[in-house]
Amino acid sequence: MKESSGNVIGFRMTGKLTDADYKAVAPEFEDGIKKFGKIRLLWLLQDFKGWEAKAAWDDYEYWRKYGKGIERIAIVGNKRWEEWMTKLAKLFMKGGVKYFDDSQLEDAWTWVHEGASK
């Protein structure tokens, strides 16, 4: 997303996440962590339908592989289960995880950028 800068990376997710989607973002995660040590993410969920089976496993593998390199995550959506998913993510992530309603997108960008590397 155009608001991404420094160690902050934003992704727009629509439909169902696939294995190919995870393979597409891996280089950005790896490059960001290599360059900055820690990255921050903003996930904008629009008409998000969840994960395909292989992608659900990829999600687990990504948390295992990159979790220590992720400092903060803003999840922006408009469904109750997305907010619940954010609360669940807090159990597995040492950094900050915060849910924002889609009407609060600017607030989410502000929060995820606070104190970020340039």
N, C-alpha and C. Protein backbone atom coordinates (compact mmCIF):
# COMPACT_ATOMS: atom_id res chain seq x y z
N MET A 1 0.84 -1.18 0.00
CA MET A 1 0.00 0.00 0.00
C MET A 1 0.89 1.25 0.00
N LYS A 2 0.42 2.32 -0.57
CA LYS A 2 1.23 3.52 -0.75
C LYS A 2 1.67 4.16 0.57
N GLU A 3 0.95 3.90 1.66
CA GLU A 3 1.32 4.47 2.95
C GLU A 3 2.48 3.73 3.61
N SER A 4 2.90 2.62 3.03
CA SER A 4 4.03 1.85 3.56
C SER A 4 5.30 2.68 3.43
N SER A 5 6.13 2.61 4.46
CA SER A 5 7.44 3.28 4.41
C SER A 5 8.31 2.73 5.53
N GLY A 6 9.62 2.78 5.30
CA GLY A 6 10.55 2.27 6.30
C GLY A 6 10.22 0.82 6.65
N ASN A 7 10.09 0.55 7.94
CA ASN A 7 9.82 -0.82 8.36
C ASN A 7 8.33 -1.13 8.48
N VAL A 8 7.49 -0.24 7.96
CA VAL A 8 6.03 -0.44 8.00
C VAL A 8 5.56 -0.88 6.62
N ILE A 9 4.89 -2.04 6.59
CA ILE A 9 4.41 -2.61 5.33
C ILE A 9 2.91 -2.83 5.44
N GLY A 10 2.16 -2.30 4.50
CA GLY A 10 0.71 -2.48 4.48
C GLY A 10 0.28 -3.40 3.36
N PHE A 11 -0.68 -4.27 3.66
CA PHE A 11 -1.23 -5.20 2.69
C PHE A 11 -2.75 -5.09 2.69
N ARG A 12 -3.33 -5.12 1.52
CA ARG A 12 -4.78 -5.19 1.37
C ARG A 12 -5.13 -6.64 1.06
N MET A 13 -6.01 -7.22 1.87
CA MET A 13 -6.40 -8.62 1.67
C MET A 13 -7.88 -8.70 1.33
N THR A 14 -8.18 -9.36 0.22
CA THR A 14 -9.55 -9.56 -0.20
C THR A 14 -9.76 -11.03 -0.55
N GLY A 15 -11.00 -11.46 -0.46
CA GLY A 15 -11.31 -12.85 -0.79
C GLY A 15 -10.66 -13.82 0.17
N LYS A 16 -10.27 -14.98 -0.32
CA LYS A 16 -9.60 -16.00 0.49
C LYS A 16 -8.10 -15.95 0.27
N LEU A 17 -7.33 -16.03 1.36
CA LEU A 17 -5.87 -16.08 1.23
C LEU A 17 -5.47 -17.45 0.71
N THR A 18 -4.47 -17.44 -0.16
CA THR A 18 -3.99 -18.68 -0.77
C THR A 18 -2.52 -18.88 -0.46
N ASP A 19 -2.04 -20.07 -0.76
CA ASP A 19 -0.62 -20.38 -0.62
C ASP A 19 0.20 -19.41 -1.47
N ALA A 20 -0.27 -19.10 -2.66
CA ALA A 20 0.44 -18.17 -3.55
C ALA A 20 0.54 -16.77 -2.93
N ASP A 21 -0.49 -16.35 -2.20
CA ASP A 21 -0.45 -15.05 -1.52
C ASP A 21 0.69 -15.01 -0.51
N TYR A 22 0.82 -16.08 0.28
CA TYR A 22 1.90 -16.13 1.27
C TYR A 22 3.27 -16.13 0.60
N LYS A 23 3.40 -16.85 -0.49
CA LYS A 23 4.68 -16.87 -1.21
C LYS A 23 5.00 -15.48 -1.77
N ALA A 24 3.99 -14.72 -2.14
CA ALA A 24 4.20 -13.38 -2.69
C ALA A 24 4.68 -12.39 -1.63
N VAL A 25 4.23 -12.52 -0.38
CA VAL A 25 4.63 -11.57 0.66
C VAL A 25 5.92 -11.96 1.36
N ALA A 26 6.33 -13.21 1.26
CA ALA A 26 7.55 -13.67 1.96
C ALA A 26 8.77 -12.79 1.67
N PRO A 27 9.05 -12.44 0.41
CA PRO A 27 10.23 -11.60 0.16
C PRO A 27 10.15 -10.24 0.85
N GLU A 28 8.96 -9.65 0.94
CA GLU A 28 8.82 -8.37 1.61
C GLU A 28 9.10 -8.50 3.10
N PHE A 29 8.59 -9.58 3.72
CA PHE A 29 8.87 -9.84 5.13
C PHE A 29 10.38 -10.00 5.34
N GLU A 30 10.99 -10.88 4.55
CA GLU A 30 12.41 -11.18 4.69
C GLU A 30 13.28 -9.96 4.45
N ASP A 31 12.99 -9.20 3.40
CA ASP A 31 13.77 -8.00 3.10
C ASP A 31 13.63 -6.97 4.22
N GLY A 32 12.41 -6.75 4.68
CA GLY A 32 12.17 -5.78 5.75
C GLY A 32 12.87 -6.16 7.04
N ILE A 33 12.79 -7.42 7.43
CA ILE A 33 13.44 -7.88 8.66
C ILE A 33 14.95 -7.79 8.52
N LYS A 34 15.47 -8.15 7.36
CA LYS A 34 16.92 -8.09 7.13
C LYS A 34 17.41 -6.63 7.21
N LYS A 35 16.64 -5.72 6.63
CA LYS A 35 17.06 -4.32 6.58
C LYS A 35 16.86 -3.59 7.91
N PHE A 36 15.72 -3.84 8.59
CA PHE A 36 15.38 -3.07 9.78
C PHE A 36 15.45 -3.85 11.09
N GLY A 37 15.56 -5.16 11.02
CA GLY A 37 15.56 -5.97 12.24
C GLY A 37 14.16 -6.35 12.68
N LYS A 38 13.25 -5.41 12.64
CA LYS A 38 11.84 -5.62 13.00
C LYS A 38 10.97 -4.89 11.97
N ILE A 39 9.83 -5.50 11.66
CA ILE A 39 8.87 -4.84 10.76
C ILE A 39 7.55 -4.64 11.48
N ARG A 40 6.75 -3.77 10.93
CA ARG A 40 5.39 -3.51 11.42
C ARG A 40 4.46 -3.71 10.24
N LEU A 41 3.30 -4.27 10.51
CA LEU A 41 2.36 -4.61 9.44
C LEU A 41 1.02 -3.95 9.65
N LEU A 42 0.38 -3.59 8.55
CA LEU A 42 -1.02 -3.19 8.56
C LEU A 42 -1.73 -4.10 7.57
N TRP A 43 -2.72 -4.83 8.06
CA TRP A 43 -3.53 -5.72 7.23
C TRP A 43 -4.89 -5.06 7.04
N LEU A 44 -5.20 -4.63 5.85
CA LEU A 44 -6.51 -4.07 5.53
C LEU A 44 -7.36 -5.19 4.95
N LEU A 45 -8.37 -5.61 5.69
CA LEU A 45 -9.24 -6.72 5.28
C LEU A 45 -10.47 -6.14 4.61
N GLN A 46 -10.62 -6.40 3.32
CA GLN A 46 -11.78 -5.93 2.58
C GLN A 46 -12.43 -7.11 1.89
N ASP A 47 -13.67 -7.38 2.26
CA ASP A 47 -14.39 -8.54 1.74
C ASP A 47 -13.56 -9.81 1.96
N PHE A 48 -12.94 -9.88 3.14
CA PHE A 48 -12.05 -10.98 3.49
C PHE A 48 -12.87 -12.22 3.83
N LYS A 49 -12.49 -13.36 3.25
CA LYS A 49 -13.24 -14.61 3.42
C LYS A 49 -12.45 -15.68 4.17
N GLY A 50 -11.26 -15.33 4.70
CA GLY A 50 -10.49 -16.30 5.45
C GLY A 50 -9.38 -16.92 4.61
N TRP A 51 -9.04 -18.17 4.94
CA TRP A 51 -7.90 -18.85 4.34
C TRP A 51 -8.32 -20.13 3.66
N GLU A 52 -7.65 -20.45 2.56
CA GLU A 52 -7.74 -21.80 2.01
C GLU A 52 -6.96 -22.70 2.95
N ALA A 53 -7.19 -24.01 2.91
CA ALA A 53 -6.56 -24.94 3.85
C ALA A 53 -5.04 -24.80 3.88
N LYS A 54 -4.38 -24.81 2.73
CA LYS A 54 -2.92 -24.71 2.69
C LYS A 54 -2.47 -23.36 3.22
N ALA A 55 -3.22 -22.32 2.95
CA ALA A 55 -2.86 -20.99 3.43
C ALA A 55 -2.98 -20.89 4.95
N ALA A 56 -3.92 -21.60 5.56
CA ALA A 56 -4.03 -21.62 7.02
C ALA A 56 -2.76 -22.21 7.63
N TRP A 57 -2.23 -23.26 7.03
CA TRP A 57 -0.97 -23.84 7.49
C TRP A 57 0.18 -22.85 7.26
N ASP A 58 0.17 -22.17 6.10
CA ASP A 58 1.19 -21.16 5.81
C ASP A 58 1.18 -20.07 6.88
N ASP A 59 -0.01 -19.68 7.32
CA ASP A 59 -0.14 -18.65 8.34
C ASP A 59 0.61 -19.07 9.61
N TYR A 60 0.39 -20.29 10.02
CA TYR A 60 1.10 -20.84 11.19
C TYR A 60 2.61 -20.82 10.95
N GLU A 61 3.05 -21.28 9.79
CA GLU A 61 4.48 -21.33 9.47
C GLU A 61 5.09 -19.93 9.43
N TYR A 62 4.36 -18.95 8.92
CA TYR A 62 4.87 -17.58 8.87
C TYR A 62 5.04 -17.02 10.27
N TRP A 63 4.07 -17.27 11.15
CA TRP A 63 4.19 -16.80 12.54
C TRP A 63 5.42 -17.42 13.18
N ARG A 64 5.64 -18.70 12.92
CA ARG A 64 6.79 -19.39 13.50
C ARG A 64 8.11 -18.82 12.95
N LYS A 65 8.14 -18.57 11.66
CA LYS A 65 9.36 -18.11 11.00
C LYS A 65 9.63 -16.62 11.22
N TYR A 66 8.60 -15.78 11.09
CA TYR A 66 8.81 -14.33 11.11
C TYR A 66 8.32 -13.64 12.38
N GLY A 67 7.64 -14.35 13.24
CA GLY A 67 7.00 -13.73 14.41
C GLY A 67 7.92 -12.86 15.24
N LYS A 68 9.15 -13.30 15.47
CA LYS A 68 10.09 -12.51 16.28
C LYS A 68 10.53 -11.24 15.57
N GLY A 69 10.36 -11.19 14.26
CA GLY A 69 10.75 -10.01 13.49
C GLY A 69 9.60 -9.04 13.26
N ILE A 70 8.43 -9.36 13.83
CA ILE A 70 7.27 -8.47 13.66
C ILE A 70 7.03 -7.75 14.99
N GLU A 71 7.10 -6.43 14.93
CA GLU A 71 7.03 -5.61 16.12
C GLU A 71 5.61 -5.15 16.47
N ARG A 72 4.82 -4.92 15.44
CA ARG A 72 3.47 -4.36 15.66
C ARG A 72 2.60 -4.70 14.46
N ILE A 73 1.32 -5.01 14.73
CA ILE A 73 0.38 -5.30 13.65
C ILE A 73 -0.92 -4.55 13.90
N ALA A 74 -1.35 -3.81 12.89
CA ALA A 74 -2.68 -3.18 12.90
C ALA A 74 -3.54 -3.99 11.94
N ILE A 75 -4.68 -4.45 12.42
CA ILE A 75 -5.63 -5.18 11.57
C ILE A 75 -6.86 -4.31 11.43
N VAL A 76 -7.21 -4.01 10.18
CA VAL A 76 -8.32 -3.11 9.88
C VAL A 76 -9.39 -3.91 9.16
N GLY A 77 -10.59 -3.94 9.73
CA GLY A 77 -11.67 -4.71 9.12
C GLY A 77 -13.03 -4.20 9.54
N ASN A 78 -14.05 -4.99 9.26
CA ASN A 78 -15.40 -4.56 9.61
C ASN A 78 -16.30 -5.72 10.04
N LYS A 79 -15.67 -6.81 10.49
CA LYS A 79 -16.45 -7.96 10.92
C LYS A 79 -16.05 -8.36 12.33
N ARG A 80 -17.00 -8.80 13.09
CA ARG A 80 -16.77 -9.19 14.48
C ARG A 80 -15.71 -10.29 14.59
N TRP A 81 -15.73 -11.27 13.68
CA TRP A 81 -14.76 -12.36 13.77
C TRP A 81 -13.34 -11.88 13.49
N GLU A 82 -13.19 -10.81 12.71
CA GLU A 82 -11.87 -10.25 12.46
C GLU A 82 -11.30 -9.62 13.73
N GLU A 83 -12.17 -8.97 14.48
CA GLU A 83 -11.76 -8.40 15.76
C GLU A 83 -11.37 -9.53 16.73
N TRP A 84 -12.15 -10.60 16.74
CA TRP A 84 -11.85 -11.76 17.59
C TRP A 84 -10.51 -12.38 17.18
N MET A 85 -10.26 -12.48 15.88
CA MET A 85 -9.01 -13.02 15.36
C MET A 85 -7.82 -12.19 15.87
N THR A 86 -8.00 -10.88 15.96
CA THR A 86 -6.95 -9.99 16.46
C THR A 86 -6.66 -10.30 17.93
N LYS A 87 -7.70 -10.51 18.71
CA LYS A 87 -7.50 -10.85 20.13
C LYS A 87 -6.75 -12.16 20.27
N LEU A 88 -7.04 -13.12 19.43
CA LEU A 88 -6.35 -14.40 19.45
C LEU A 88 -4.87 -14.21 19.07
N ALA A 89 -4.59 -13.37 18.10
CA ALA A 89 -3.21 -13.13 17.66
C ALA A 89 -2.37 -12.55 18.80
N LYS A 90 -2.99 -11.77 19.68
CA LYS A 90 -2.26 -11.18 20.80
C LYS A 90 -1.65 -12.25 21.70
N LEU A 91 -2.26 -13.42 21.76
CA LEU A 91 -1.74 -14.50 22.58
C LEU A 91 -0.42 -15.05 22.05
N PHE A 92 -0.21 -14.93 20.74
CA PHE A 92 0.96 -15.51 20.11
C PHE A 92 2.04 -14.49 19.75
N MET A 93 1.73 -13.23 19.89
CA MET A 93 2.65 -12.20 19.44
C MET A 93 3.12 -11.36 20.61
N LYS A 94 4.41 -11.19 20.72
CA LYS A 94 4.97 -10.40 21.81
C LYS A 94 4.80 -8.90 21.56
N GLY A 95 4.82 -8.49 20.30
CA GLY A 95 4.64 -7.09 19.96
C GLY A 95 3.17 -6.69 20.05
N GLY A 96 2.88 -5.48 19.71
CA GLY A 96 1.52 -4.99 19.78
C GLY A 96 0.67 -5.45 18.61
N VAL A 97 -0.55 -5.81 18.91
CA VAL A 97 -1.54 -6.15 17.89
C VAL A 97 -2.80 -5.38 18.26
N LYS A 98 -3.34 -4.66 17.29
CA LYS A 98 -4.51 -3.85 17.58
C LYS A 98 -5.49 -3.90 16.41
N TYR A 99 -6.77 -4.01 16.73
CA TYR A 99 -7.83 -4.04 15.73
C TYR A 99 -8.42 -2.65 15.57
N PHE A 100 -8.70 -2.29 14.33
CA PHE A 100 -9.36 -1.02 14.01
C PHE A 100 -10.51 -1.32 13.07
N ASP A 101 -11.63 -0.65 13.28
CA ASP A 101 -12.74 -0.72 12.34
C ASP A 101 -12.30 -0.03 11.05
N ASP A 102 -12.88 -0.45 9.92
CA ASP A 102 -12.43 0.12 8.64
C ASP A 102 -12.63 1.63 8.55
N SER A 103 -13.50 2.19 9.38
CA SER A 103 -13.67 3.64 9.41
C SER A 103 -12.49 4.34 10.11
N GLN A 104 -11.60 3.56 10.73
CA GLN A 104 -10.46 4.09 11.47
C GLN A 104 -9.12 3.82 10.76
N LEU A 105 -9.15 3.70 9.45
CA LEU A 105 -7.94 3.36 8.71
C LEU A 105 -6.81 4.36 8.97
N GLU A 106 -7.09 5.65 8.97
CA GLU A 106 -6.05 6.65 9.24
C GLU A 106 -5.46 6.47 10.64
N ASP A 107 -6.31 6.18 11.62
CA ASP A 107 -5.83 5.94 12.99
C ASP A 107 -4.93 4.71 13.03
N ALA A 108 -5.28 3.69 12.26
CA ALA A 108 -4.46 2.48 12.21
C ALA A 108 -3.07 2.78 11.65
N TRP A 109 -3.02 3.56 10.56
CA TRP A 109 -1.72 3.93 10.00
C TRP A 109 -0.92 4.75 11.01
N THR A 110 -1.56 5.69 11.68
CA THR A 110 -0.86 6.50 12.69
C THR A 110 -0.28 5.60 13.78
N TRP A 111 -1.08 4.67 14.30
CA TRP A 111 -0.63 3.78 15.37
C TRP A 111 0.52 2.90 14.92
N VAL A 112 0.42 2.31 13.74
CA VAL A 112 1.46 1.38 13.30
C VAL A 112 2.77 2.12 12.97
N HIS A 113 2.69 3.40 12.61
CA HIS A 113 3.88 4.17 12.29
C HIS A 113 4.55 4.78 13.54
N GLU A 114 3.85 4.87 14.67
CA GLU A 114 4.41 5.51 15.87
C GLU A 114 5.75 4.88 16.26
N GLY A 115 6.80 5.68 16.24
CA GLY A 115 8.13 5.20 16.64
C GLY A 115 8.78 4.23 15.67
N ALA A 116 8.26 4.12 14.45
CA ALA A 116 8.80 3.17 13.46
C ALA A 116 10.12 3.68 12.89
N SER A 117 10.91 2.74 12.37
CA SER A 117 12.16 3.08 11.67
C SER A 117 11.83 3.72 10.34
N LYS A 118 12.58 4.67 9.95
CA LYS A 118 12.34 5.35 8.67
C LYS A 118 13.13 4.74 7.60
